[in-house]
Amino acid sequence: MSERVKLSRVQTLFEELDYPVTRDDAAAEFADVTVTFADGEGNLGELVSEVGSDAFHGPDELFAELQNVLPIEAVGEPGQSEGDA
């Protein structure tokens, strides 16, 4: 059964894993989880599979790595511009 979770709740999911955990095992664990962003959504397992580290020693480490692979839609408000107004 697939699950939907907001990006702000992802770290709670990461806390449920047994550490240390490999990138591949973490990606497999979340293969059926859809994470919703400020503007859009993505598959959490696929996102985890794209992180740079091969293994993680805790949920904070995994979440920090996830931040590096999130799409631009994951942060900020929809339609928000970072340019000069």
C-alpha atoms as a PDB file:
ATOM      1  CA  MET A   1       0.000   0.000   0.000  1.00  0.00           C
ATOM      2  CA  SER A   2       1.422   3.365  -0.953  1.00  0.00           C
ATOM      3  CA  GLU A   3       1.745   6.208   1.506  1.00  0.00           C
ATOM      4  CA  ARG A   4       1.719   9.983   1.048  1.00  0.00           C
ATOM      5  CA  VAL A   5       3.706  12.202   3.375  1.00  0.00           C
ATOM      6  CA  LYS A   6       4.568  15.896   3.454  1.00  0.00           C
ATOM      7  CA  LEU A   7       8.232  16.820   3.139  1.00  0.00           C
ATOM      8  CA  SER A   8       8.089  18.229   6.668  1.00  0.00           C
ATOM      9  CA  ARG A   9       7.267  14.716   7.978  1.00  0.00           C
ATOM     10  CA  VAL A  10       9.954  12.774   6.081  1.00  0.00           C
ATOM     11  CA  GLN A  11      12.470  12.905   8.915  1.00  0.00           C
ATOM     12  CA  THR A  12       9.931  11.115  11.147  1.00  0.00           C
ATOM     13  CA  LEU A  13       9.854   8.261   8.615  1.00  0.00           C
ATOM     14  CA  PHE A  14      13.637   8.164   8.558  1.00  0.00           C
ATOM     15  CA  GLU A  15      13.638   7.715  12.356  1.00  0.00           C
ATOM     16  CA  GLU A  16      11.821   4.379  11.917  1.00  0.00           C
ATOM     17  CA  LEU A  17      14.768   2.768  10.092  1.00  0.00           C
ATOM     18  CA  ASP A  18      17.402   0.655  11.827  1.00  0.00           C
ATOM     19  CA  TYR A  19      20.811   2.324  11.535  1.00  0.00           C
ATOM     20  CA  PRO A  20      23.325   2.050  10.065  1.00  0.00           C
ATOM     21  CA  VAL A  21      21.431   1.594   6.791  1.00  0.00           C
ATOM     22  CA  THR A  22      22.646   1.515   3.203  1.00  0.00           C
ATOM     23  CA  ARG A  23      21.334   3.882   0.562  1.00  0.00           C
ATOM     24  CA  ASP A  24      19.856   0.952  -1.391  1.00  0.00           C
ATOM     25  CA  ASP A  25      18.049  -0.473   1.639  1.00  0.00           C
ATOM     26  CA  ALA A  26      16.649   2.939   2.584  1.00  0.00           C
ATOM     27  CA  ALA A  27      15.512   3.555  -1.005  1.00  0.00           C
ATOM     28  CA  ALA A  28      13.777   0.157  -1.086  1.00  0.00           C
ATOM     29  CA  GLU A  29      12.080   0.868   2.241  1.00  0.00           C
ATOM     30  CA  PHE A  30      10.499   4.053   0.849  1.00  0.00           C
ATOM     31  CA  ALA A  31       9.781   2.860  -2.698  1.00  0.00           C
ATOM     32  CA  ASP A  32       6.018   3.113  -2.117  1.00  0.00           C
ATOM     33  CA  VAL A  33       6.088   6.528  -0.412  1.00  0.00           C
ATOM     34  CA  THR A  34       5.081   9.694  -2.260  1.00  0.00           C
ATOM     35  CA  VAL A  35       6.443  12.871  -0.725  1.00  0.00           C
ATOM     36  CA  THR A  36       4.505  16.088  -1.332  1.00  0.00           C
ATOM     37  CA  PHE A  37       6.353  19.362  -1.829  1.00  0.00           C
ATOM     38  CA  ALA A  38       5.317  23.012  -1.732  1.00  0.00           C
ATOM     39  CA  ASP A  39       4.564  22.626  -5.445  1.00  0.00           C
ATOM     40  CA  GLY A  40       4.466  19.022  -6.626  1.00  0.00           C
ATOM     41  CA  GLU A  41       5.469  15.589  -5.407  1.00  0.00           C
ATOM     42  CA  GLY A  42       8.058  12.855  -5.881  1.00  0.00           C
ATOM     43  CA  ASN A  43       8.828   9.256  -4.997  1.00  0.00           C
ATOM     44  CA  LEU A  44      10.804   9.170  -1.755  1.00  0.00           C
ATOM     45  CA  GLY A  45      12.553   5.916  -2.656  1.00  0.00           C
ATOM     46  CA  GLU A  46      13.783   7.349  -5.949  1.00  0.00           C
ATOM     47  CA  LEU A  47      14.994  10.519  -4.234  1.00  0.00           C
ATOM     48  CA  VAL A  48      16.873   8.524  -1.583  1.00  0.00           C
ATOM     49  CA  SER A  49      18.490   6.432  -4.333  1.00  0.00           C
ATOM     50  CA  GLU A  50      19.995   9.644  -5.772  1.00  0.00           C
ATOM     51  CA  VAL A  51      21.806  10.821  -2.617  1.00  0.00           C
ATOM     52  CA  GLY A  52      25.596  10.844  -2.613  1.00  0.00           C
ATOM     53  CA  SER A  53      26.403   8.685   0.405  1.00  0.00           C
ATOM     54  CA  ASP A  54      26.333   4.879   0.331  1.00  0.00           C
ATOM     55  CA  ALA A  55      25.330   4.463   4.002  1.00  0.00           C
ATOM     56  CA  PHE A  56      23.857   6.472   6.876  1.00  0.00           C
ATOM     57  CA  HIS A  57      24.362   6.301  10.624  1.00  0.00           C
ATOM     58  CA  GLY A  58      21.217   8.178  11.633  1.00  0.00           C
ATOM     59  CA  PRO A  59      18.065   9.893  10.378  1.00  0.00           C
ATOM     60  CA  ASP A  60      19.619  13.374  10.490  1.00  0.00           C
ATOM     61  CA  GLU A  61      22.409  12.280   8.172  1.00  0.00           C
ATOM     62  CA  LEU A  62      19.946  10.751   5.690  1.00  0.00           C
ATOM     63  CA  PHE A  63      17.683  13.814   5.782  1.00  0.00           C
ATOM     64  CA  ALA A  64      20.635  16.167   5.225  1.00  0.00           C
ATOM     65  CA  GLU A  65      21.671  14.165   2.152  1.00  0.00           C
ATOM     66  CA  LEU A  66      18.085  14.192   0.866  1.00  0.00           C
ATOM     67  CA  GLN A  67      18.113  18.002   0.898  1.00  0.00           C
ATOM     68  CA  ASN A  68      20.799  17.934  -1.817  1.00  0.00           C
ATOM     69  CA  VAL A  69      18.650  16.010  -4.312  1.00  0.00           C
ATOM     70  CA  LEU A  70      15.274  17.675  -3.811  1.00  0.00           C
ATOM     71  CA  PRO A  71      13.794  19.376  -6.879  1.00  0.00           C
ATOM     72  CA  ILE A  72      13.261  23.137  -6.873  1.00  0.00           C
ATOM     73  CA  GLU A  73       9.523  22.543  -6.355  1.00  0.00           C
ATOM     74  CA  ALA A  74      10.256  21.067  -2.930  1.00  0.00           C
ATOM     75  CA  VAL A  75      10.970  24.357  -1.198  1.00  0.00           C
ATOM     76  CA  GLY A  76       9.259  27.705  -0.968  1.00  0.00           C
ATOM     77  CA  GLU A  77       5.794  28.723  -1.947  1.00  0.00           C
ATOM     78  CA  PRO A  78       4.384  27.998  -5.408  1.00  0.00           C
ATOM     79  CA  GLY A  79       5.139  30.860  -7.777  1.00  0.00           C
ATOM     80  CA  GLN A  80       7.643  32.412  -5.403  1.00  0.00           C
ATOM     81  CA  SER A  81      10.577  34.159  -7.046  1.00  0.00           C
ATOM     82  CA  GLU A  82      14.046  34.562  -5.652  1.00  0.00           C
ATOM     83  CA  GLY A  83      14.806  37.439  -7.997  1.00  0.00           C
ATOM     84  CA  ASP A  84      14.599  41.149  -7.332  1.00  0.00           C
ATOM     85  CA  ALA A  85      11.066  42.508  -7.093  1.00  0.00           C
END
